[in-house]
Amino acid sequence: MPHVVVVGSGIVGLASARALAQQGHDVTVLEKEERLASHQTGRNSGVIHSGLYYKPGSHKALMSRAGVRSMTAYAEDRGIAHEICGKLVVATRESEVPALRALAERAQQNGVPSRLVSAAEAREHEPHVAAVEALRVDSTGIIDYPGVCVALAEDVTEAGGQVLLGARFERARSTTDGVDVLTSQGRISADWLVNCAGLQSDVVAQRSGLVPEARIVPFRGEYFELVPGREDLVRGLIYPVPDPALPFLGVHLTKMINGSVHAGPNAVFAFAREGYRWRDVNVRETASALAWPGLWRLAGRFGTTGVGEVVRSASRRVFARSLARLVPDIGVDDITPSPAGVRAQALRRDGTMVDDFLIQRAQNQVHVLNAPSPAATCALEIADHVARQVTQGA
């Protein structure tokens, strides 16, 4: 029975481990933390993404459509909390309407159920929203992704695999017989290595002898949430019209599966890969990011936007004003800080962000090097793809 070591217990790692274990592989998951889904999966907005924004024909677009179905079906089968509540993308001024209609055309190209609605129709869904026109996306939902990870880990163990917590990956090398993997708990002789390490994915690749196509640069996404008693301002999900020239969607409002309403995120450079606060600084990781030419080229293109994000990070009042564009009743006293997340953004040397999922192969190794949003939605599809890479290469 082939033995596969999977690095990372986020949703992509556990889904990949499940797919491999259910195909008959002997699977070991390595997780350096003492609990599952400690980083990106456990700190995101819990959205089941419809595939609205992505380039037609891209992995993100195709896998999102399938992911809505597979993730919803998995949640229903395992009794995981979820709701297909839909969302509104709102044009708050006339100048945004052309971009909103272009987004509606992309939704149609991607096969995403959606429709343009008037301001009055938008308020039927979200009574407090400000809109001159909106796009209603019916297939978007919310879910308990950490709960999904618990279920996936159970599936792995039930299929004969194991999930090792507190087991840090150190390095690996391909051999004539497979892959020799060194961990903080000892050495493992495996047939395959699958890297789903998220924020550390390029580091794992480098320590396995691979030259990654891109470097992970961390961007912290800071959130607020509506204070108790003000959650009724938002029924589902409310997003702004994205600027196609910018790499992030902008701050938005998201009802969470526990009934709270998250507001955000912004996007600021993080001084550590797991830097969830401004005071979280890792000198070595910061120096590595600053030495990457792609970061400076990105900053050259989006410097003004970056300054605005820092200002919004420093000022609750500015953050509240951004939200009030979508829901005017939101004021500075209606929001309170919520735990931040960090996005593992793969950045090429020329300063371009990797726009799609990125998987690299080496001898008896598969490395998932870029799996940002909507990777959680697409986790079961990414897992099937990873499992095929291993099976076809065996």
Protein backbone atom coordinates (compact mmCIF):
# COMPACT_ATOMS: atom_id res chain seq x y z
CA MET A 1 0.00 0.00 0.00
CA PRO A 2 1.65 3.29 -1.08
CA HIS A 3 2.39 5.64 1.80
CA VAL A 4 1.68 9.35 1.26
CA VAL A 5 2.74 12.11 3.65
CA VAL A 6 0.53 15.22 3.48
CA VAL A 7 1.90 18.42 5.01
CA GLY A 8 -0.78 20.68 6.48
CA SER A 9 -4.14 20.13 8.20
CA GLY A 10 -5.99 23.01 6.60
CA ILE A 11 -9.03 22.15 4.53
CA VAL A 12 -7.04 21.48 1.32
CA GLY A 13 -4.56 19.21 3.11
CA LEU A 14 -7.24 17.22 4.92
CA ALA A 15 -9.43 16.94 1.83
CA SER A 16 -6.42 15.68 -0.16
CA ALA A 17 -5.57 13.21 2.60
CA ARG A 18 -9.16 11.97 2.62
CA ALA A 19 -9.21 11.48 -1.16
CA LEU A 20 -5.94 9.56 -1.05
CA ALA A 21 -6.93 7.44 1.94
CA GLN A 22 -10.25 6.53 0.34
CA GLN A 23 -8.34 5.39 -2.75
CA GLY A 24 -6.40 2.93 -0.60
CA HIS A 25 -3.24 4.89 0.16
CA ASP A 26 -1.66 4.78 3.60
CA VAL A 27 -1.80 8.46 4.59
CA THR A 28 -0.02 10.45 7.28
CA VAL A 29 -0.94 14.12 7.78
CA LEU A 30 1.70 16.33 9.42
CA GLU A 31 0.46 19.40 11.32
CA LYS A 32 2.88 21.58 13.27
CA GLU A 33 0.12 23.08 15.44
CA GLU A 34 -1.73 21.28 18.22
CA ARG A 35 -5.11 21.65 16.52
CA LEU A 36 -6.59 21.40 13.05
CA ALA A 37 -7.14 24.37 10.72
CA SER A 38 -5.20 26.84 12.87
CA HIS A 39 -4.40 29.32 10.12
CA GLN A 40 -6.11 30.23 6.83
CA THR A 41 -8.99 27.74 7.09
CA GLY A 42 -9.82 28.65 10.66
CA ARG A 43 -9.56 32.40 10.11
CA ASN A 44 -11.48 33.05 6.90
CA SER A 45 -14.97 34.44 6.40
CA GLY A 46 -16.66 31.05 6.04
CA VAL A 47 -18.10 31.73 2.58
CA ILE A 48 -19.06 29.13 -0.01
CA HIS A 49 -18.01 31.03 -3.14
CA SER A 50 -20.05 30.78 -6.32
CA GLY A 51 -17.22 31.36 -8.83
CA LEU A 52 -18.49 34.79 -9.81
CA TYR A 53 -15.25 36.76 -10.16
CA TYR A 54 -12.82 34.38 -11.80
CA LYS A 55 -11.52 34.21 -15.35
CA PRO A 56 -13.78 31.95 -17.43
CA GLY A 57 -12.17 28.55 -17.92
CA SER A 58 -9.76 28.98 -15.00
CA HIS A 59 -9.41 26.34 -12.31
CA LYS A 60 -10.98 28.77 -9.85
CA ALA A 61 -14.06 29.29 -12.03
CA LEU A 62 -14.57 25.63 -12.90
CA MET A 63 -13.82 24.26 -9.46
CA SER A 64 -16.00 26.84 -7.69
CA ARG A 65 -19.09 25.74 -9.60
CA ALA A 66 -18.39 22.13 -8.71
CA GLY A 67 -17.29 23.08 -5.20
CA VAL A 68 -20.59 24.73 -4.31
CA ARG A 69 -22.30 21.40 -5.03
CA SER A 70 -19.73 19.10 -3.45
CA MET A 71 -19.13 21.18 -0.32
CA THR A 72 -22.85 21.66 0.26
CA ALA A 73 -23.49 17.94 -0.24
CA TYR A 74 -20.67 17.06 2.15
CA ALA A 75 -22.01 19.43 4.80
CA GLU A 76 -25.50 17.97 4.46
CA ASP A 77 -24.15 14.42 4.67
CA ARG A 78 -22.04 15.12 7.77
CA GLY A 79 -24.44 17.45 9.55
CA ILE A 80 -22.14 20.48 9.30
CA ALA A 81 -23.75 23.89 9.77
CA HIS A 82 -24.23 25.72 6.46
CA GLU A 83 -26.71 27.94 4.64
CA ILE A 84 -27.07 28.97 1.00
CA CYS A 85 -28.15 32.53 1.74
CA GLY A 86 -27.07 34.28 -1.48
CA LYS A 87 -25.30 37.61 -1.70
CA LEU A 88 -25.62 41.06 -3.21
CA VAL A 89 -22.87 42.86 -5.09
CA VAL A 90 -23.96 46.48 -4.94
CA ALA A 91 -23.20 49.52 -7.04
CA THR A 92 -23.48 52.42 -4.62
CA ARG A 93 -23.06 55.10 -7.31
CA GLU A 94 -23.89 55.35 -11.00
CA SER A 95 -20.23 55.24 -12.01
CA GLU A 96 -20.02 51.65 -10.71
CA VAL A 97 -22.92 50.34 -12.78
CA PRO A 98 -20.88 49.50 -15.93
CA ALA A 99 -18.48 47.39 -13.86
CA LEU A 100 -21.42 45.71 -12.13
CA ARG A 101 -22.95 44.79 -15.49
CA ALA A 102 -19.60 43.47 -16.71
CA LEU A 103 -19.51 41.30 -13.59
CA ALA A 104 -22.99 40.04 -14.45
CA GLU A 105 -21.72 39.03 -17.89
CA ARG A 106 -18.82 37.16 -16.30
CA ALA A 107 -21.24 35.38 -13.98
CA GLN A 108 -23.17 34.24 -17.03
CA GLN A 109 -19.96 33.02 -18.72
CA ASN A 110 -19.08 31.05 -15.59
CA GLY A 111 -22.54 29.54 -15.27
CA VAL A 112 -23.19 31.25 -11.92
CA PRO A 113 -26.89 31.71 -11.08
CA SER A 114 -27.34 35.46 -10.76
CA ARG A 115 -29.47 38.38 -11.89
CA LEU A 116 -29.29 42.16 -11.96
CA VAL A 117 -31.80 43.80 -9.64
CA SER A 118 -32.99 47.35 -9.07
CA ALA A 119 -32.34 49.34 -5.91
CA ALA A 120 -35.84 48.52 -4.65
CA GLU A 121 -35.34 44.80 -5.34
CA ALA A 122 -31.97 44.91 -3.59
CA ARG A 123 -33.64 46.29 -0.48
CA GLU A 124 -36.09 43.38 -0.51
CA HIS A 125 -33.09 41.17 0.21
CA GLU A 126 -31.13 43.66 2.33
CA PRO A 127 -33.41 46.41 3.70
CA HIS A 128 -30.53 48.59 4.93
CA VAL A 129 -28.32 48.44 1.84
CA ALA A 130 -27.37 51.45 -0.29
CA ALA A 131 -27.56 50.62 -3.98
CA VAL A 132 -28.44 52.16 -7.31
CA GLU A 133 -28.32 48.68 -8.83
CA ALA A 134 -27.14 45.28 -7.60
CA LEU A 135 -26.26 41.77 -8.69
CA ARG A 136 -28.04 39.02 -6.78
CA VAL A 137 -25.99 35.77 -6.62
CA ASP A 138 -28.16 32.93 -5.40
CA SER A 139 -25.59 30.14 -5.00
CA THR A 140 -23.28 31.85 -2.49
CA GLY A 141 -23.47 30.46 1.03
CA ILE A 142 -21.85 30.28 4.45
CA ILE A 143 -20.44 27.28 6.29
CA ASP A 144 -18.47 26.12 9.32
CA TYR A 145 -15.12 25.32 7.65
CA PRO A 146 -13.36 24.26 10.88
CA GLY A 147 -16.24 21.82 11.32
CA VAL A 148 -15.58 20.53 7.81
CA CYS A 149 -11.95 19.94 8.79
CA VAL A 150 -12.94 17.91 11.84
CA ALA A 151 -15.14 15.72 9.64
CA LEU A 152 -12.42 15.32 7.00
CA ALA A 153 -9.90 14.27 9.67
CA GLU A 154 -12.40 11.68 10.91
CA ASP A 155 -12.73 10.37 7.35
CA VAL A 156 -8.95 10.05 7.09
CA THR A 157 -8.64 8.03 10.29
CA GLU A 158 -11.66 5.87 9.46
CA ALA A 159 -9.96 5.01 6.14
CA GLY A 160 -6.84 3.90 8.02
CA GLY A 161 -4.78 7.10 7.88
CA GLN A 162 -3.42 9.18 10.72
CA VAL A 163 -3.28 12.88 11.56
CA LEU A 164 -0.23 13.84 13.62
CA LEU A 165 -0.62 17.10 15.55
CA GLY A 166 2.46 18.89 16.83
CA ALA A 167 4.48 17.25 14.04
CA ARG A 168 6.52 19.88 12.20
CA PHE A 169 7.84 19.19 8.72
CA GLU A 170 11.59 19.81 8.61
CA ARG A 171 12.78 18.70 5.15
CA ALA A 172 12.37 16.03 2.51
CA ARG A 173 14.30 14.54 -0.40
CA SER A 174 13.24 12.27 -3.21
CA THR A 175 15.06 8.93 -3.37
CA THR A 176 15.02 6.00 -5.75
CA ASP A 177 12.43 4.38 -3.48
CA GLY A 178 10.19 7.38 -2.79
CA VAL A 179 10.57 10.35 -0.43
CA ASP A 180 12.51 10.58 2.81
CA VAL A 181 10.68 13.00 5.14
CA LEU A 182 12.22 14.42 8.30
CA THR A 183 9.79 15.72 10.95
CA SER A 184 10.05 17.02 14.50
CA GLN A 185 8.78 13.60 15.59
CA GLY A 186 11.25 11.57 13.54
CA ARG A 187 11.91 10.32 10.04
CA ILE A 188 9.25 8.89 7.71
CA SER A 189 9.95 6.84 4.59
CA ALA A 190 7.11 7.57 2.18
CA ASP A 191 6.26 6.89 -1.44
CA TRP A 192 4.87 10.39 -2.03
CA LEU A 193 4.91 13.83 -0.44
CA VAL A 194 1.92 16.17 -0.87
CA ASN A 195 2.52 19.76 0.24
CA CYS A 196 -0.60 21.65 1.33
CA ALA A 197 1.18 23.91 3.81
CA GLY A 198 -0.57 27.17 2.85
CA LEU A 199 1.41 30.05 4.28
CA GLN A 200 4.52 27.85 4.40
CA SER A 201 4.00 26.05 1.08
CA ASP A 202 6.96 27.60 -0.76
CA VAL A 203 9.22 26.95 2.25
CA VAL A 204 8.18 23.28 2.29
CA ALA A 205 8.83 23.12 -1.46
CA GLN A 206 12.29 24.62 -1.10
CA ARG A 207 13.13 22.25 1.75
CA SER A 208 12.07 19.38 -0.50
CA GLY A 209 14.46 20.30 -3.30
CA LEU A 210 11.98 22.15 -5.53
CA VAL A 211 12.44 25.66 -6.90
CA PRO A 212 8.93 27.16 -6.54
CA GLU A 213 7.55 29.25 -9.39
CA ALA A 214 6.37 31.93 -6.96
CA ARG A 215 7.05 33.21 -3.46
CA ILE A 216 4.41 33.37 -0.72
CA VAL A 217 3.98 36.95 0.51
CA PRO A 218 1.63 37.30 3.51
CA PHE A 219 -1.15 39.89 3.57
CA ARG A 220 -3.10 40.30 6.78
CA GLY A 221 -6.84 40.66 6.42
CA GLU A 222 -8.24 42.57 9.39
CA TYR A 223 -11.87 42.15 10.40
CA PHE A 224 -14.40 43.90 12.52
CA GLU A 225 -17.81 42.54 13.42
CA LEU A 226 -21.10 44.23 14.15
CA VAL A 227 -21.75 44.66 17.86
CA PRO A 228 -24.56 42.66 19.49
CA GLY A 229 -27.93 44.13 18.65
CA ARG A 230 -26.82 45.47 15.26
CA GLU A 231 -26.55 42.17 13.39
CA ASP A 232 -30.00 42.76 11.90
CA LEU A 233 -28.47 45.39 9.59
CA VAL A 234 -27.24 42.50 7.39
CA ARG A 235 -29.23 39.43 6.40
CA GLY A 236 -26.68 37.67 4.20
CA LEU A 237 -23.61 38.82 2.29
CA ILE A 238 -23.08 42.34 0.89
CA TYR A 239 -20.08 43.04 -1.37
CA PRO A 240 -18.94 46.17 -3.23
CA VAL A 241 -18.34 46.19 -6.95
CA PRO A 242 -14.69 45.11 -7.26
CA ASP A 243 -12.17 47.28 -9.03
CA PRO A 244 -10.75 45.01 -11.78
CA ALA A 245 -7.42 46.83 -11.55
CA LEU A 246 -6.97 45.79 -7.89
CA PRO A 247 -6.07 42.32 -6.58
CA PHE A 248 -8.55 42.22 -3.65
CA LEU A 249 -12.33 42.52 -3.48
CA GLY A 250 -12.57 45.31 -0.90
CA VAL A 251 -14.23 45.26 2.50
CA HIS A 252 -17.60 43.54 2.63
CA LEU A 253 -20.22 42.34 5.11
CA THR A 254 -20.71 38.65 5.77
CA LYS A 255 -23.22 36.92 7.98
CA MET A 256 -21.39 34.09 9.76
CA ILE A 257 -22.83 30.68 10.46
CA ASN A 258 -23.07 31.55 14.18
CA GLY A 259 -25.26 34.58 13.45
CA SER A 260 -22.59 37.25 13.87
CA VAL A 261 -21.72 39.62 11.02
CA HIS A 262 -18.11 40.04 9.95
CA ALA A 263 -16.93 43.23 8.29
CA GLY A 264 -13.78 43.26 6.18
CA PRO A 265 -11.16 42.31 5.39
CA ASN A 266 -8.73 44.99 4.40
CA ALA A 267 -5.33 43.88 3.10
CA VAL A 268 -2.02 45.01 4.59
CA PHE A 269 1.46 43.53 4.39
CA ALA A 270 2.08 41.19 7.32
CA PHE A 271 5.49 41.20 9.00
CA ALA A 272 5.24 37.46 9.64
CA ARG A 273 3.62 34.64 7.73
CA GLU A 274 1.45 34.02 10.74
CA GLY A 275 1.34 37.69 11.70
CA TYR A 276 -2.21 38.27 12.85
CA ARG A 277 -1.40 41.52 14.66
CA TRP A 278 0.80 44.51 13.84
CA ARG A 279 3.12 43.54 16.68
CA ASP A 280 3.65 40.04 15.25
CA VAL A 281 7.05 40.40 13.55
CA ASN A 282 9.33 37.65 12.27
CA VAL A 283 12.57 39.32 11.16
CA ARG A 284 13.71 36.43 8.98
CA GLU A 285 10.37 36.12 7.18
CA THR A 286 10.07 39.87 6.72
CA ALA A 287 13.60 40.10 5.31
CA SER A 288 12.83 37.24 2.93
CA ALA A 289 9.68 38.97 1.66
CA LEU A 290 11.43 42.34 1.28
CA ALA A 291 14.24 40.67 -0.67
CA TRP A 292 11.76 39.33 -3.22
CA PRO A 293 11.72 41.67 -6.27
CA GLY A 294 8.09 40.87 -6.94
CA LEU A 295 6.96 42.58 -3.73
CA TRP A 296 8.57 45.89 -4.72
CA ARG A 297 7.11 45.68 -8.22
CA LEU A 298 3.68 45.02 -6.76
CA ALA A 299 4.10 47.97 -4.40
CA GLY A 300 5.06 50.16 -7.32
CA ARG A 301 1.75 49.39 -9.03
CA PHE A 302 -0.52 49.54 -5.99
CA GLY A 303 1.32 51.88 -3.63
CA THR A 304 -1.53 54.37 -3.29
CA THR A 305 -4.00 51.59 -2.61
CA GLY A 306 -1.64 50.10 -0.06
CA VAL A 307 -1.40 53.40 1.82
CA GLY A 308 -5.19 53.54 1.93
CA GLU A 309 -5.33 50.04 3.38
CA VAL A 310 -2.85 51.01 6.11
CA VAL A 311 -4.91 54.09 6.96
CA ARG A 312 -8.03 51.94 7.20
CA SER A 313 -6.12 49.51 9.41
CA ALA A 314 -5.13 52.32 11.77
CA SER A 315 -8.52 54.02 11.98
CA ARG A 316 -11.76 52.38 13.08
CA ARG A 317 -13.60 55.47 11.86
CA VAL A 318 -12.18 55.09 8.32
CA PHE A 319 -13.03 51.38 8.37
CA ALA A 320 -16.59 52.20 9.44
CA ARG A 321 -16.91 54.76 6.63
CA SER A 322 -15.98 52.06 4.10
CA LEU A 323 -18.78 49.86 5.45
CA ALA A 324 -21.24 52.75 5.50
CA ARG A 325 -20.90 53.01 1.72
CA LEU A 326 -22.70 49.66 1.64
CA VAL A 327 -24.94 50.05 4.68
CA PRO A 328 -25.28 53.73 5.69
CA ASP A 329 -26.68 52.88 9.14
CA ILE A 330 -23.32 51.45 10.22
CA GLY A 331 -21.35 53.87 12.40
CA VAL A 332 -18.09 53.69 14.26
CA ASP A 333 -19.85 52.53 17.45
CA ASP A 334 -21.48 49.61 15.59
CA ILE A 335 -18.26 47.67 14.97
CA THR A 336 -15.78 45.93 17.23
CA PRO A 337 -12.47 44.22 16.34
CA SER A 338 -12.53 40.56 15.36
CA PRO A 339 -9.64 38.09 14.84
CA ALA A 340 -7.62 38.71 11.69
CA GLY A 341 -6.50 36.24 9.04
CA VAL A 342 -3.47 36.10 6.76
CA ARG A 343 -3.75 35.39 3.04
CA ALA A 344 -0.93 33.32 1.54
CA GLN A 345 -0.54 35.16 -1.75
CA ALA A 346 1.78 33.62 -4.30
CA LEU A 347 3.72 36.39 -6.03
CA ARG A 348 5.93 35.98 -9.09
CA ARG A 349 9.30 37.67 -9.47
CA ASP A 350 7.83 40.19 -11.93
CA GLY A 351 5.32 41.39 -9.33
CA THR A 352 2.26 39.65 -10.74
CA MET A 353 0.01 37.80 -8.34
CA VAL A 354 -0.65 34.20 -9.29
CA ASP A 355 -4.27 34.45 -10.35
CA ASP A 356 -5.20 30.77 -10.26
CA PHE A 357 -4.48 27.70 -8.22
CA LEU A 358 -0.84 26.68 -8.71
CA ILE A 359 0.41 23.10 -8.32
CA GLN A 360 3.97 22.03 -9.08
CA ARG A 361 5.31 18.50 -9.43
CA ALA A 362 8.66 16.95 -8.63
CA GLN A 363 9.77 13.34 -8.38
CA ASN A 364 7.20 11.65 -6.12
CA GLN A 365 6.10 15.08 -4.87
CA VAL A 366 3.03 17.29 -5.41
CA HIS A 367 3.16 20.87 -4.12
CA VAL A 368 0.03 23.05 -3.85
CA LEU A 369 1.75 26.43 -3.99
CA ASN A 370 -1.19 28.78 -4.43
CA ALA A 371 -4.60 28.02 -2.98
CA PRO A 372 -6.17 31.29 -1.79
CA SER A 373 -9.91 31.96 -1.79
CA PRO A 374 -11.96 30.14 -3.11
CA ALA A 375 -9.79 27.16 -2.14
CA ALA A 376 -11.97 26.24 0.84
CA THR A 377 -15.03 26.06 -1.42
CA CYS A 378 -13.05 24.02 -3.94
CA ALA A 379 -11.22 21.82 -1.44
CA LEU A 380 -12.83 18.55 -2.50
CA GLU A 381 -12.15 19.34 -6.18
CA ILE A 382 -8.53 20.31 -5.49
CA ALA A 383 -8.20 17.09 -3.49
CA ASP A 384 -9.42 14.98 -6.40
CA HIS A 385 -6.91 16.72 -8.67
CA VAL A 386 -4.07 16.11 -6.21
CA ALA A 387 -5.06 12.46 -5.81
CA ARG A 388 -5.01 12.00 -9.59
CA GLN A 389 -1.51 13.50 -9.71
CA VAL A 390 -0.33 10.89 -7.21
CA THR A 391 -2.21 7.99 -8.78
CA GLN A 392 -1.11 8.79 -12.33
CA GLY A 393 2.48 9.28 -11.20
CA ALA A 394 2.63 6.06 -9.18
